Amino acid sequence: MTFLSLNGERPRPDIGAAEELVIAVATGELEAVKLTGERLRLLRDTGDL
């Protein structure tokens, strides 16, 4: 969430998805930069929610 905010993106209020992403990166489950970026993009608030 902080990473998105620092880069001018408004995060979606989906705490569960954000927690899952942090845990996946911290445990090494999600190592690929491309996949991490894709998951971060899913947390952006596109205004259509």
C-alpha atoms as a PDB file:
ATOM      1  CA  MET A   1       0.000   0.000   0.000  1.00  0.00           C
ATOM      2  CA  THR A   2       2.792   2.398   0.872  1.00  0.00           C
ATOM      3  CA  PHE A   3       4.616   1.552  -2.371  1.00  0.00           C
ATOM      4  CA  LEU A   4       1.514   2.407  -4.388  1.00  0.00           C
ATOM      5  CA  SER A   5       0.975   5.669  -2.503  1.00  0.00           C
ATOM      6  CA  LEU A   6       4.606   6.722  -2.907  1.00  0.00           C
ATOM      7  CA  ASN A   7       4.245   6.202  -6.649  1.00  0.00           C
ATOM      8  CA  GLY A   8       1.136   8.349  -7.011  1.00  0.00           C
ATOM      9  CA  GLU A   9      -1.358   5.476  -7.089  1.00  0.00           C
ATOM     10  CA  ARG A  10      -4.443   5.304  -4.930  1.00  0.00           C
ATOM     11  CA  PRO A  11      -4.693   1.867  -3.297  1.00  0.00           C
ATOM     12  CA  ARG A  12      -7.961  -0.052  -3.198  1.00  0.00           C
ATOM     13  CA  PRO A  13      -9.258  -0.617   0.322  1.00  0.00           C
ATOM     14  CA  ASP A  14      -8.688  -4.389   0.163  1.00  0.00           C
ATOM     15  CA  ILE A  15      -6.701  -5.153   3.287  1.00  0.00           C
ATOM     16  CA  GLY A  16      -6.949  -8.923   2.786  1.00  0.00           C
ATOM     17  CA  ALA A  17      -5.353  -8.781  -0.669  1.00  0.00           C
ATOM     18  CA  ALA A  18      -2.643  -6.429   0.592  1.00  0.00           C
ATOM     19  CA  GLU A  19      -1.827  -8.738   3.511  1.00  0.00           C
ATOM     20  CA  GLU A  20      -1.661 -11.755   1.183  1.00  0.00           C
ATOM     21  CA  LEU A  21       0.788  -9.935  -1.092  1.00  0.00           C
ATOM     22  CA  VAL A  22       3.065  -8.879   1.783  1.00  0.00           C
ATOM     23  CA  ILE A  23       3.101 -12.392   3.222  1.00  0.00           C
ATOM     24  CA  ALA A  24       3.780 -13.973  -0.193  1.00  0.00           C
ATOM     25  CA  VAL A  25       6.768 -11.681  -0.781  1.00  0.00           C
ATOM     26  CA  ALA A  26       8.098 -12.000   2.791  1.00  0.00           C
ATOM     27  CA  THR A  27       7.957 -15.806   2.787  1.00  0.00           C
ATOM     28  CA  GLY A  28       9.531 -16.121  -0.645  1.00  0.00           C
ATOM     29  CA  GLU A  29       6.383 -17.626  -2.136  1.00  0.00           C
ATOM     30  CA  LEU A  30       6.301 -14.767  -4.636  1.00  0.00           C
ATOM     31  CA  GLU A  31       9.802 -14.112  -5.950  1.00  0.00           C
ATOM     32  CA  ALA A  32       9.349 -13.010  -9.542  1.00  0.00           C
ATOM     33  CA  VAL A  33       9.347  -9.248  -9.978  1.00  0.00           C
ATOM     34  CA  LYS A  34       6.829  -9.486 -12.814  1.00  0.00           C
ATOM     35  CA  LEU A  35       4.354 -11.385 -10.653  1.00  0.00           C
ATOM     36  CA  THR A  36       4.830  -8.969  -7.760  1.00  0.00           C
ATOM     37  CA  GLY A  37       4.113  -6.069 -10.113  1.00  0.00           C
ATOM     38  CA  GLU A  38       0.989  -7.773 -11.395  1.00  0.00           C
ATOM     39  CA  ARG A  39      -0.273  -8.273  -7.855  1.00  0.00           C
ATOM     40  CA  LEU A  40       0.474  -4.621  -7.012  1.00  0.00           C
ATOM     41  CA  ARG A  41      -1.486  -3.488 -10.071  1.00  0.00           C
ATOM     42  CA  LEU A  42      -4.489  -5.418  -8.765  1.00  0.00           C
ATOM     43  CA  LEU A  43      -4.378  -3.338  -5.585  1.00  0.00           C
ATOM     44  CA  ARG A  44      -4.747  -0.021  -7.449  1.00  0.00           C
ATOM     45  CA  ASP A  45      -8.002   1.870  -7.135  1.00  0.00           C
ATOM     46  CA  THR A  46      -9.102   2.470 -10.700  1.00  0.00           C
ATOM     47  CA  GLY A  47     -12.147   4.435  -9.624  1.00  0.00           C
ATOM     48  CA  ASP A  48     -14.599   1.962 -11.096  1.00  0.00           C
ATOM     49  CA  LEU A  49     -15.309   0.100  -7.875  1.00  0.00           C
END
